[in-house]
Amino acid sequence: MRLQGDTSQQDLLSIYADQPREVRRILQLFSVIYEPVGQTVVKDILKGLGWKSADGRGLHQLLAKPLRVQLLGLGLLVDNCNKYHIALEISEQLTRELVDDGSFELVVNVVEKHYGSELVDRYGSPLYRLSTHQREQRLMRCIRIALHRNEGRQLTALLGLSWETFPKLTLNKSLPLRAIGSSLLDLKWFASRSMTIQYLIARAFLLFSSTNLVKCPELSRVFESAFRPPQNEPATVCLLAEFHLLQGAPSEALLLLEGVESAESMALKGCCYCLLGEGESALAMVSIAPIKGDKGVEAASGMCLLRDGRVYCIS
């Protein structure tokens, strides 16, 4: 399901589909590497993979200047100071082709062997030999790998690393969404992820849909099916309720929050009552909701602050 049109992405995918199989293979490798990389390193990885063309030549022999110039001209590769990365608009689709044909794990293992995956040094400090932008891109590669391996615990750890070790990174909580493409969500793929990953993706889509004023009723139904109470913890139910609230459905949000007792749920109920014109109920909810930290919803002094920065003044 597409939340917004992206003709450039479709054009790039059409150009990609017209390439010979051997060239598509090379581009798939670039999609896993993700960050800018020198041609020599890519050739070494191709040698490690042992991929060959139809005439028996190693694919590393194809990656010479003529092909590189051609791919740059087509927009499938991007030049970054004489290092190259895949056009990010199509990176997710190309990686999923490797997942679908069973080559993903092999590629990840060879990439990490030849190119490394370190984000911090042995003391837990950022790798300062990499620029902030390079660390950001390497972090994104690791997050994408965790998503496709369905490793919820690893993904959670990487997100924690992004917030605590790299506080100045621009990615923040939209990381899972950016990793799979902000305009695209494959609902079948989403349902195949662990509950932890589903929650993290849903939270990112909540931020995207609310801050970009995009209504997505199909996603609302998917999230409601995945996170319906009482099977899930209050934080998960609150996430779905907030999604309904920001989609302009406070009554539905209140129904979801019935029986959920937490600071976040009380703040959300206050927002819902406020939108429904029930001022006394709204104020009652906000007055008993303790101040929360940076985990999403805050309620204090007659105001509610949602996770996208929106403020509801109740008194």
Protein backbone atom coordinates (compact mmCIF):
# COMPACT_ATOMS: atom_id res chain seq x y z
CA MET A 1 0.00 0.00 0.00
CA ARG A 2 1.36 3.39 -0.97
CA LEU A 3 0.76 6.41 1.23
CA GLN A 4 1.94 8.89 -1.36
CA GLY A 5 2.90 8.78 -5.00
CA ASP A 6 6.51 8.53 -6.02
CA THR A 7 6.94 8.51 -9.78
CA SER A 8 10.72 8.77 -9.58
CA GLN A 9 10.82 5.54 -7.62
CA GLN A 10 8.67 3.79 -10.24
CA ASP A 11 10.85 5.13 -13.03
CA LEU A 12 13.99 3.83 -11.32
CA LEU A 13 12.42 0.43 -10.75
CA SER A 14 11.45 0.23 -14.42
CA ILE A 15 15.01 1.12 -15.46
CA TYR A 16 16.34 -1.46 -13.01
CA ALA A 17 14.03 -4.16 -14.38
CA ASP A 18 15.41 -3.55 -17.88
CA GLN A 19 18.99 -4.34 -16.81
CA PRO A 20 20.61 -7.75 -17.43
CA ARG A 21 20.39 -10.22 -14.55
CA GLU A 22 24.10 -9.84 -13.74
CA VAL A 23 23.74 -6.07 -13.38
CA ARG A 24 20.65 -6.46 -11.20
CA ARG A 25 22.67 -8.77 -8.96
CA ILE A 26 25.37 -6.15 -8.51
CA LEU A 27 22.76 -3.52 -7.68
CA GLN A 28 21.14 -5.85 -5.15
CA LEU A 29 24.50 -6.10 -3.42
CA PHE A 30 24.74 -2.29 -3.29
CA SER A 31 21.29 -2.22 -1.68
CA VAL A 32 22.52 -4.33 1.25
CA ILE A 33 25.78 -2.39 1.67
CA TYR A 34 23.62 0.76 1.67
CA GLU A 35 26.38 3.21 2.68
CA PRO A 36 28.79 4.71 0.11
CA VAL A 37 31.53 2.24 -0.78
CA GLY A 38 34.53 2.16 -3.09
CA GLN A 39 34.47 0.06 -6.24
CA THR A 40 37.43 -2.05 -5.10
CA VAL A 41 35.60 -3.12 -1.94
CA VAL A 42 32.52 -4.07 -3.95
CA LYS A 43 34.69 -6.17 -6.25
CA ASP A 44 36.19 -7.97 -3.24
CA ILE A 45 32.71 -8.71 -1.91
CA LEU A 46 31.60 -10.00 -5.32
CA LYS A 47 34.64 -12.31 -5.36
CA GLY A 48 33.66 -13.55 -1.90
CA LEU A 49 30.13 -14.24 -3.07
CA GLY A 50 31.37 -16.19 -6.07
CA TRP A 51 28.60 -14.90 -8.32
CA LYS A 52 29.16 -15.56 -12.01
CA SER A 53 27.65 -14.34 -15.26
CA ALA A 54 25.97 -16.60 -17.83
CA ASP A 55 29.30 -17.04 -19.63
CA GLY A 56 31.08 -18.10 -16.44
CA ARG A 57 32.90 -14.84 -15.65
CA GLY A 58 32.92 -13.56 -12.09
CA LEU A 59 30.59 -10.59 -11.64
CA HIS A 60 33.47 -8.62 -10.17
CA GLN A 61 34.91 -8.48 -13.68
CA LEU A 62 31.82 -6.64 -14.92
CA LEU A 63 32.11 -3.85 -12.37
CA ALA A 64 34.46 -1.63 -14.35
CA LYS A 65 34.30 2.06 -15.24
CA PRO A 66 31.94 1.70 -18.25
CA LEU A 67 29.27 -0.07 -16.19
CA ARG A 68 29.75 2.27 -13.25
CA VAL A 69 29.33 5.34 -15.48
CA GLN A 70 26.26 3.78 -17.07
CA LEU A 71 24.59 3.05 -13.72
CA LEU A 72 25.39 6.53 -12.45
CA GLY A 73 23.87 8.03 -15.60
CA LEU A 74 20.71 5.97 -15.18
CA GLY A 75 20.36 7.14 -11.58
CA LEU A 76 20.58 3.63 -10.15
CA LEU A 77 23.85 4.46 -8.38
CA VAL A 78 24.79 7.72 -6.68
CA ASP A 79 28.32 9.16 -6.52
CA ASN A 80 29.41 10.34 -3.08
CA CYS A 81 33.01 11.60 -3.22
CA ASN A 82 34.16 8.73 -5.47
CA LYS A 83 32.26 6.21 -3.39
CA TYR A 84 28.96 4.83 -4.56
CA HIS A 85 25.63 3.81 -3.06
CA ILE A 86 22.35 2.53 -4.39
CA ALA A 87 19.58 5.02 -5.17
CA LEU A 88 17.84 4.95 -1.80
CA GLU A 89 14.39 5.13 -3.38
CA ILE A 90 14.76 1.54 -4.59
CA SER A 91 17.03 0.02 -1.96
CA GLU A 92 14.25 -1.77 -0.10
CA GLN A 93 12.78 -3.43 -3.18
CA LEU A 94 16.18 -4.71 -4.28
CA THR A 95 17.02 -6.08 -0.84
CA ARG A 96 13.71 -7.94 -0.71
CA GLU A 97 14.57 -9.65 -3.97
CA LEU A 98 17.59 -11.17 -2.19
CA VAL A 99 15.38 -12.20 0.73
CA ASP A 100 12.88 -13.81 -1.63
CA ASP A 101 15.48 -15.84 -3.56
CA GLY A 102 17.26 -16.99 -0.38
CA SER A 103 20.52 -15.08 -0.98
CA PHE A 104 20.12 -12.45 1.73
CA GLU A 105 21.99 -14.22 4.54
CA LEU A 106 24.93 -15.10 2.29
CA VAL A 107 25.22 -11.51 1.10
CA VAL A 108 25.00 -10.09 4.65
CA ASN A 109 27.68 -12.47 5.92
CA VAL A 110 30.10 -11.63 3.10
CA VAL A 111 29.41 -7.88 3.34
CA GLU A 112 30.09 -7.86 7.08
CA LYS A 113 33.25 -9.92 6.61
CA HIS A 114 34.70 -7.55 4.02
CA TYR A 115 33.25 -4.22 5.05
CA GLY A 116 32.52 -4.38 8.76
CA SER A 117 29.43 -3.51 10.74
CA GLU A 118 30.93 -1.76 13.77
CA LEU A 119 29.02 1.22 15.14
CA VAL A 120 30.98 1.74 18.34
CA ASP A 121 34.48 0.94 19.55
CA ARG A 122 35.30 -1.54 22.31
CA TYR A 123 34.59 1.16 24.89
CA GLY A 124 31.08 1.84 23.55
CA SER A 125 31.98 5.19 22.00
CA PRO A 126 30.97 6.13 18.42
CA LEU A 127 33.46 5.37 15.69
CA TYR A 128 34.77 8.89 15.26
CA ARG A 129 36.84 7.86 12.24
CA LEU A 130 33.45 7.89 10.50
CA SER A 131 31.58 11.14 9.94
CA THR A 132 28.15 11.60 11.49
CA HIS A 133 26.60 10.95 8.09
CA GLN A 134 28.64 7.75 7.63
CA ARG A 135 27.67 6.49 11.08
CA GLU A 136 24.06 7.26 10.29
CA GLN A 137 24.20 5.25 7.07
CA ARG A 138 25.97 2.33 8.72
CA LEU A 139 23.39 2.33 11.48
CA MET A 140 20.65 2.26 8.86
CA ARG A 141 22.29 -0.75 7.19
CA CYS A 142 22.35 -2.63 10.49
CA ILE A 143 18.72 -1.71 11.16
CA ARG A 144 17.63 -2.91 7.73
CA ILE A 145 19.40 -6.21 8.28
CA ALA A 146 17.69 -6.65 11.68
CA LEU A 147 14.32 -5.91 10.08
CA HIS A 148 14.78 -8.52 7.38
CA ARG A 149 16.15 -11.07 9.83
CA ASN A 150 13.06 -10.40 11.98
CA GLU A 151 15.28 -9.74 15.00
CA GLY A 152 13.15 -7.60 17.28
CA ARG A 153 15.64 -7.59 20.14
CA GLN A 154 18.51 -6.53 17.87
CA LEU A 155 16.38 -3.82 16.29
CA THR A 156 15.41 -2.47 19.71
CA ALA A 157 19.08 -2.43 20.75
CA LEU A 158 20.07 -0.58 17.56
CA LEU A 159 17.35 2.02 18.11
CA GLY A 160 18.56 2.48 21.66
CA LEU A 161 22.06 2.92 20.30
CA SER A 162 20.85 5.59 17.91
CA TRP A 163 19.18 7.59 20.69
CA GLU A 164 21.82 7.18 23.39
CA THR A 165 25.16 6.92 21.58
CA PHE A 166 24.32 9.11 18.59
CA PRO A 167 21.90 11.69 20.05
CA LYS A 168 22.53 14.16 17.23
CA LEU A 169 21.51 11.78 14.46
CA THR A 170 18.52 13.03 12.50
CA LEU A 171 16.94 9.56 12.20
CA ASN A 172 15.56 9.13 15.72
CA LYS A 173 12.24 7.28 16.06
CA SER A 174 11.48 7.32 12.35
CA LEU A 175 14.33 4.85 11.77
CA PRO A 176 12.22 1.71 11.15
CA LEU A 177 10.05 3.65 8.74
CA ARG A 178 12.94 5.18 6.82
CA ALA A 179 14.57 1.76 6.65
CA ILE A 180 11.69 0.29 4.64
CA GLY A 181 10.75 3.44 2.71
CA SER A 182 8.46 6.12 4.09
CA SER A 183 5.93 5.81 1.28
CA LEU A 184 5.64 2.05 1.29
CA LEU A 185 4.34 -0.65 3.60
CA ASP A 186 3.88 -4.22 2.42
CA LEU A 187 1.05 -5.42 4.66
CA LYS A 188 1.86 -9.10 4.14
CA TRP A 189 5.49 -8.45 5.08
CA PHE A 190 4.38 -6.41 8.09
CA ALA A 191 2.22 -9.27 9.37
CA SER A 192 5.19 -11.65 9.09
CA ARG A 193 7.34 -9.57 11.48
CA SER A 194 7.58 -10.19 15.21
CA MET A 195 5.26 -8.23 17.50
CA THR A 196 8.20 -6.08 18.63
CA ILE A 197 9.03 -5.08 15.07
CA GLN A 198 5.36 -4.52 14.24
CA TYR A 199 5.12 -2.13 17.18
CA LEU A 200 8.23 -0.18 16.16
CA ILE A 201 7.04 0.13 12.56
CA ALA A 202 3.55 1.13 13.66
CA ARG A 203 4.99 3.84 15.91
CA ALA A 204 7.03 5.20 13.01
CA PHE A 205 4.00 5.20 10.71
CA LEU A 206 2.00 6.97 13.41
CA LEU A 207 4.56 9.77 13.39
CA PHE A 208 4.65 9.88 9.60
CA SER A 209 0.88 9.93 9.09
CA SER A 210 0.20 12.52 11.79
CA THR A 211 3.01 14.95 11.02
CA ASN A 212 2.34 14.75 7.27
CA LEU A 213 -1.45 14.91 7.71
CA VAL A 214 -1.91 11.70 5.75
CA LYS A 215 -5.00 9.62 6.46
CA CYS A 216 -4.46 5.89 6.06
CA PRO A 217 -7.55 3.89 7.10
CA GLU A 218 -6.08 0.64 5.76
CA LEU A 219 -3.14 0.95 8.14
CA SER A 220 -5.54 1.73 10.96
CA ARG A 221 -7.35 -1.56 10.40
CA VAL A 222 -4.08 -3.49 10.18
CA PHE A 223 -2.74 -1.96 13.39
CA GLU A 224 -6.04 -2.51 15.19
CA SER A 225 -5.99 -6.18 14.24
CA ALA A 226 -2.39 -6.54 15.40
CA PHE A 227 -2.65 -4.56 18.64
CA ARG A 228 -6.23 -5.10 19.79
CA PRO A 229 -6.61 -5.25 23.61
CA PRO A 230 -6.57 -7.12 25.89
CA GLN A 231 -3.86 -9.21 24.23
CA ASN A 232 -1.30 -6.43 24.38
CA GLU A 233 0.36 -4.20 26.94
CA PRO A 234 -1.04 -0.72 27.70
CA ALA A 235 1.74 1.02 25.74
CA THR A 236 0.78 -0.89 22.59
CA VAL A 237 -2.93 -0.18 23.00
CA CYS A 238 -2.14 3.50 23.61
CA LEU A 239 -0.17 3.58 20.37
CA LEU A 240 -3.19 2.37 18.41
CA ALA A 241 -5.48 4.76 20.29
CA GLU A 242 -3.22 7.68 19.46
CA PHE A 243 -3.24 6.60 15.83
CA HIS A 244 -7.07 6.78 15.85
CA LEU A 245 -6.98 10.11 17.66
CA LEU A 246 -4.65 11.71 15.12
CA GLN A 247 -6.78 10.30 12.31
CA GLY A 248 -9.72 12.30 13.69
CA ALA A 249 -11.53 9.47 15.45
CA PRO A 250 -11.51 10.27 19.21
CA SER A 251 -14.56 8.09 19.92
CA GLU A 252 -12.82 5.01 18.53
CA ALA A 253 -9.71 5.88 20.53
CA LEU A 254 -11.75 6.05 23.75
CA LEU A 255 -13.24 2.61 23.08
CA LEU A 256 -9.76 1.16 22.72
CA LEU A 257 -8.63 2.79 25.97
CA GLU A 258 -11.45 1.34 28.08
CA GLY A 259 -9.93 -0.47 31.02
CA VAL A 260 -6.40 0.67 30.25
CA GLU A 261 -4.90 2.42 33.26
CA SER A 262 -1.62 4.21 32.69
CA ALA A 263 -0.35 7.78 32.63
CA GLU A 264 -0.28 7.71 28.84
CA SER A 265 -3.82 6.36 28.56
CA MET A 266 -5.17 9.06 30.89
CA ALA A 267 -3.48 11.78 28.87
CA LEU A 268 -4.90 10.34 25.65
CA LYS A 269 -8.37 10.10 27.16
CA GLY A 270 -8.07 13.76 28.10
CA CYS A 271 -7.27 14.63 24.47
CA CYS A 272 -10.23 12.58 23.25
CA TYR A 273 -12.69 14.16 25.67
CA CYS A 274 -11.37 17.59 24.71
CA LEU A 275 -12.04 16.94 21.01
CA LEU A 276 -15.50 15.61 21.84
CA GLY A 277 -16.35 18.78 23.72
CA GLU A 278 -16.45 17.15 27.15
CA GLY A 279 -14.29 19.66 28.97
CA GLU A 280 -14.88 18.47 32.53
CA SER A 281 -14.01 14.88 31.70
CA ALA A 282 -10.93 16.04 29.80
CA LEU A 283 -9.71 18.13 32.71
CA ALA A 284 -10.37 15.30 35.15
CA MET A 285 -8.20 12.94 33.10
CA VAL A 286 -5.36 15.40 32.70
CA SER A 287 -5.35 16.42 36.34
CA ILE A 288 -4.66 12.86 37.49
CA ALA A 289 -2.22 11.92 34.73
CA PRO A 290 1.33 12.29 36.09
CA ILE A 291 3.99 14.02 34.04
CA LYS A 292 5.78 11.58 31.77
CA GLY A 293 9.29 11.78 30.39
CA ASP A 294 10.27 11.44 26.76
CA LYS A 295 8.32 8.27 25.96
CA GLY A 296 5.46 9.83 24.06
CA VAL A 297 2.54 11.58 25.71
CA GLU A 298 2.85 14.16 28.47
CA ALA A 299 0.09 15.66 30.60
CA ALA A 300 0.60 18.54 32.97
CA SER A 301 -0.86 21.95 33.83
CA GLY A 302 -4.00 21.31 31.81
CA MET A 303 -2.18 20.43 28.58
CA CYS A 304 -1.51 17.23 26.66
CA LEU A 305 1.52 16.85 24.41
CA LEU A 306 1.38 14.07 21.82
CA ARG A 307 4.46 12.28 20.51
CA ASP A 308 4.42 14.24 17.26
CA GLY A 309 4.67 17.54 19.15
CA ARG A 310 0.97 18.44 18.97
CA VAL A 311 -0.37 20.20 22.08
CA TYR A 312 -3.96 20.10 23.40
CA CYS A 313 -4.78 22.91 25.86
CA ILE A 314 -7.50 21.63 28.15
CA SER A 315 -7.58 24.33 30.82
